[in-house]
Amino acid sequence: MDQPLTRFPAVASLRQAAASERRISNLLRRRQKIRLRADAQKAEIDRKLAQGLAPLEREIYERAARIEEFASHRRQKLTENGKTKTVLLPDAGEFHWVFNPPALIVANLKEAIGSIRSKGLGVKRFLRVRYELNKEALLEAPDTARKVDGASIVQEERFVIAPAHTGEKVERNLRTLEWSITSPKKREPQQ
């Protein structure tokens, strides 16, 4: 929410709580309908945008391909035998060739590490040891975790309202006092 809620009087009974929760459920359904309508409108805008851009992009790529074809057949002459990479075009701009920075692709990490070790290729230079906390183990041993400088176990409490049949929840973080509405995760389509 943008603005913090002011204090409201508490409901006086479970009956009033149930009535308020039914109202929240109704509001969440209305909110979901507005979101779905907006999502449909966004999708239509995106479709029209893609449709309008497609012929422009097709021509851009065709013309770029023609320039590339021209340049590749005349690369030595255009670059003065590799002295320059950029070719200026009168009143139009430029084109040039550029390499990406080199990257190391590792297909099998264990195999690569084993190879460096077994071939004596510089274990200290090319391999490094990384230390990281085993957070799961520390959570399972809270007495030990409390002794670790620079680390602490935190747990926050939330107040959660889960109206029936909406799948959404209204939550308040009881430490920060911030409200939020959470929707269920959308399921990925099965392939």
Protein backbone atom coordinates (compact mmCIF):
# COMPACT_ATOMS: atom_id res chain seq x y z
CA MET A 1 0.00 0.00 0.00
CA ASP A 2 1.13 3.53 -0.65
CA GLN A 3 -0.03 5.03 2.62
CA PRO A 4 -0.05 3.44 6.06
CA LEU A 5 -3.48 2.56 7.37
CA THR A 6 -4.73 4.46 10.37
CA ARG A 7 -5.98 2.55 13.39
CA PHE A 8 -9.47 1.16 12.93
CA PRO A 9 -11.70 -0.19 15.65
CA ALA A 10 -11.47 -3.97 15.94
CA VAL A 11 -14.39 -6.19 15.00
CA ALA A 12 -16.38 -7.12 18.07
CA SER A 13 -17.17 -10.76 17.30
CA LEU A 14 -16.44 -13.73 15.09
CA ARG A 15 -19.66 -12.94 13.23
CA GLN A 16 -18.32 -9.45 12.38
CA ALA A 17 -14.93 -10.95 11.47
CA ALA A 18 -16.66 -13.40 9.12
CA ALA A 19 -18.69 -10.57 7.54
CA SER A 20 -15.51 -8.51 7.06
CA GLU A 21 -13.71 -11.49 5.56
CA ARG A 22 -16.59 -12.09 3.13
CA ARG A 23 -16.34 -8.42 2.11
CA ILE A 24 -12.56 -8.78 1.66
CA SER A 25 -13.22 -11.86 -0.49
CA ASN A 26 -15.63 -9.86 -2.64
CA LEU A 27 -13.13 -6.99 -2.96
CA LEU A 28 -10.33 -9.40 -3.90
CA ARG A 29 -12.50 -10.93 -6.64
CA ARG A 30 -13.28 -7.44 -7.98
CA ARG A 31 -9.58 -6.57 -7.83
CA GLN A 32 -8.72 -9.76 -9.72
CA LYS A 33 -11.29 -8.96 -12.45
CA ILE A 34 -9.79 -5.49 -12.92
CA ARG A 35 -6.29 -7.00 -13.13
CA LEU A 36 -7.42 -9.62 -15.67
CA ARG A 37 -9.10 -6.94 -17.78
CA ALA A 38 -5.93 -4.81 -17.65
CA ASP A 39 -3.76 -7.83 -18.51
CA ALA A 40 -5.97 -8.55 -21.53
CA GLN A 41 -5.70 -4.92 -22.64
CA LYS A 42 -1.91 -5.01 -22.22
CA ALA A 43 -1.74 -8.22 -24.26
CA GLU A 44 -3.79 -6.61 -27.04
CA ILE A 45 -1.53 -3.55 -27.03
CA ASP A 46 1.55 -5.80 -27.17
CA ARG A 47 0.02 -7.76 -30.06
CA LYS A 48 -0.75 -4.58 -32.02
CA LEU A 49 2.71 -3.20 -31.26
CA ALA A 50 4.41 -6.38 -32.50
CA GLN A 51 2.18 -6.36 -35.58
CA GLY A 52 3.08 -2.74 -36.35
CA LEU A 53 6.81 -3.22 -35.73
CA ALA A 54 7.19 -6.48 -37.69
CA PRO A 55 7.31 -5.01 -41.22
CA LEU A 56 9.66 -2.22 -40.08
CA GLU A 57 12.01 -4.68 -38.39
CA ARG A 58 11.89 -7.02 -41.38
CA GLU A 59 13.04 -4.19 -43.67
CA ILE A 60 15.67 -3.05 -41.14
CA TYR A 61 17.14 -6.58 -41.01
CA GLU A 62 17.01 -6.98 -44.80
CA ARG A 63 18.86 -3.70 -45.35
CA ALA A 64 21.38 -4.53 -42.60
CA ALA A 65 22.01 -7.91 -44.24
CA ARG A 66 22.71 -6.19 -47.58
CA ILE A 67 25.22 -3.85 -45.92
CA GLU A 68 26.87 -6.79 -44.15
CA GLU A 69 27.11 -8.73 -47.41
CA PHE A 70 28.68 -5.73 -49.15
CA ALA A 71 31.11 -5.13 -46.26
CA SER A 72 32.17 -8.75 -45.81
CA HIS A 73 33.24 -9.04 -49.47
CA ARG A 74 35.24 -5.80 -49.22
CA ARG A 75 36.47 -6.05 -45.61
CA GLN A 76 40.20 -5.85 -46.36
CA LYS A 77 39.78 -2.77 -48.53
CA LEU A 78 37.27 -1.08 -46.19
CA THR A 79 39.44 -1.66 -43.10
CA GLU A 80 42.69 -0.79 -44.86
CA ASN A 81 43.91 -4.36 -44.31
CA GLY A 82 42.77 -4.43 -40.69
CA LYS A 83 44.16 -1.03 -39.64
CA THR A 84 40.67 0.20 -38.76
CA LYS A 85 37.45 -1.53 -37.78
CA THR A 86 35.05 1.33 -38.43
CA VAL A 87 33.76 2.44 -41.80
CA LEU A 88 32.15 5.88 -41.96
CA LEU A 89 29.23 6.31 -44.33
CA PRO A 90 28.69 9.79 -45.78
CA ASP A 91 25.75 11.50 -44.04
CA ALA A 92 24.47 8.15 -42.74
CA GLY A 93 26.53 6.83 -39.85
CA GLU A 94 28.96 3.96 -39.68
CA PHE A 95 29.39 0.22 -39.50
CA HIS A 96 32.13 -1.73 -37.79
CA TRP A 97 33.30 -5.13 -36.66
CA VAL A 98 33.71 -5.85 -32.96
CA PHE A 99 34.64 -8.89 -30.86
CA ASN A 100 32.86 -9.70 -27.64
CA PRO A 101 35.16 -10.11 -24.64
CA PRO A 102 36.43 -13.69 -24.34
CA ALA A 103 34.37 -15.96 -22.09
CA LEU A 104 35.19 -19.34 -20.60
CA ILE A 105 32.50 -21.93 -21.19
CA VAL A 106 32.64 -24.91 -18.82
CA ALA A 107 30.59 -27.88 -19.97
CA ASN A 108 31.53 -30.14 -17.07
CA LEU A 109 32.84 -28.41 -13.94
CA LYS A 110 34.03 -31.57 -12.17
CA GLU A 111 35.88 -32.71 -15.27
CA ALA A 112 37.55 -29.30 -15.70
CA ILE A 113 38.67 -29.20 -12.05
CA GLY A 114 39.97 -32.77 -12.27
CA SER A 115 41.87 -31.92 -15.43
CA ILE A 116 43.61 -28.93 -13.82
CA ARG A 117 44.56 -31.06 -10.81
CA SER A 118 45.73 -34.14 -12.72
CA LYS A 119 47.72 -32.23 -15.34
CA GLY A 120 49.36 -29.88 -12.84
CA LEU A 121 48.11 -26.82 -14.69
CA GLY A 122 48.38 -24.45 -11.73
CA VAL A 123 46.03 -25.54 -8.96
CA LYS A 124 46.62 -22.40 -6.87
CA ARG A 125 46.30 -20.10 -9.86
CA PHE A 126 43.25 -21.60 -11.57
CA LEU A 127 41.28 -23.11 -8.68
CA ARG A 128 39.93 -21.28 -5.66
CA VAL A 129 38.31 -22.45 -2.48
CA ARG A 130 35.07 -20.73 -1.58
CA TYR A 131 33.82 -20.78 1.99
CA GLU A 132 30.16 -20.18 2.62
CA LEU A 133 27.86 -20.58 5.60
CA ASN A 134 25.69 -23.67 5.76
CA LYS A 135 22.59 -21.73 6.83
CA GLU A 136 20.42 -24.83 7.03
CA ALA A 137 22.80 -26.49 9.50
CA LEU A 138 23.00 -23.32 11.61
CA LEU A 139 19.21 -23.08 11.72
CA GLU A 140 19.13 -26.67 12.96
CA ALA A 141 21.63 -25.73 15.71
CA PRO A 142 20.31 -22.40 17.03
CA ASP A 143 22.51 -22.47 20.17
CA THR A 144 25.61 -22.60 17.99
CA ALA A 145 24.19 -20.01 15.56
CA ARG A 146 23.74 -17.53 18.42
CA LYS A 147 27.51 -17.76 19.11
CA VAL A 148 28.44 -16.80 15.53
CA ASP A 149 29.49 -13.15 15.30
CA GLY A 150 27.85 -11.31 12.43
CA ALA A 151 24.95 -13.75 12.09
CA SER A 152 21.60 -13.99 13.81
CA ILE A 153 18.42 -15.97 13.50
CA VAL A 154 15.39 -13.87 12.64
CA GLN A 155 11.79 -14.84 12.32
CA GLU A 156 8.97 -12.49 11.50
CA GLU A 157 5.34 -12.99 12.28
CA ARG A 158 2.58 -12.09 9.85
CA PHE A 159 -1.13 -11.80 10.31
CA VAL A 160 -2.81 -13.53 7.35
CA ILE A 161 -6.40 -13.34 6.16
CA ALA A 162 -7.24 -16.02 3.59
CA PRO A 163 -10.77 -15.53 2.28
CA ALA A 164 -12.40 -18.64 0.90
CA HIS A 165 -12.45 -19.27 -2.85
CA THR A 166 -10.13 -16.41 -3.91
CA GLY A 167 -6.71 -17.99 -3.60
CA GLU A 168 -5.40 -14.60 -2.52
CA LYS A 169 -4.30 -13.58 0.94
CA VAL A 170 -4.19 -10.26 2.74
CA GLU A 171 -1.13 -10.14 4.98
CA ARG A 172 0.43 -7.77 7.48
CA ASN A 173 4.05 -8.02 8.56
CA LEU A 174 3.80 -7.51 12.31
CA ARG A 175 7.32 -6.08 12.52
CA THR A 176 7.12 -3.51 9.71
CA LEU A 177 3.30 -3.17 9.95
CA GLU A 178 3.10 -3.21 6.14
CA TRP A 179 0.08 -4.73 4.43
CA SER A 180 0.24 -6.72 1.19
CA ILE A 181 -1.98 -8.83 -1.01
CA THR A 182 -0.47 -12.03 -2.35
CA SER A 183 -1.83 -14.11 -5.18
CA PRO A 184 -1.16 -17.80 -5.71
CA LYS A 185 1.73 -18.63 -7.99
CA LYS A 186 0.67 -19.12 -11.58
CA ARG A 187 1.28 -22.67 -12.73
CA GLU A 188 3.56 -23.05 -15.71
CA PRO A 189 1.92 -24.86 -18.64
CA GLN A 190 2.77 -28.54 -18.74
CA GLN A 191 4.73 -29.66 -21.80
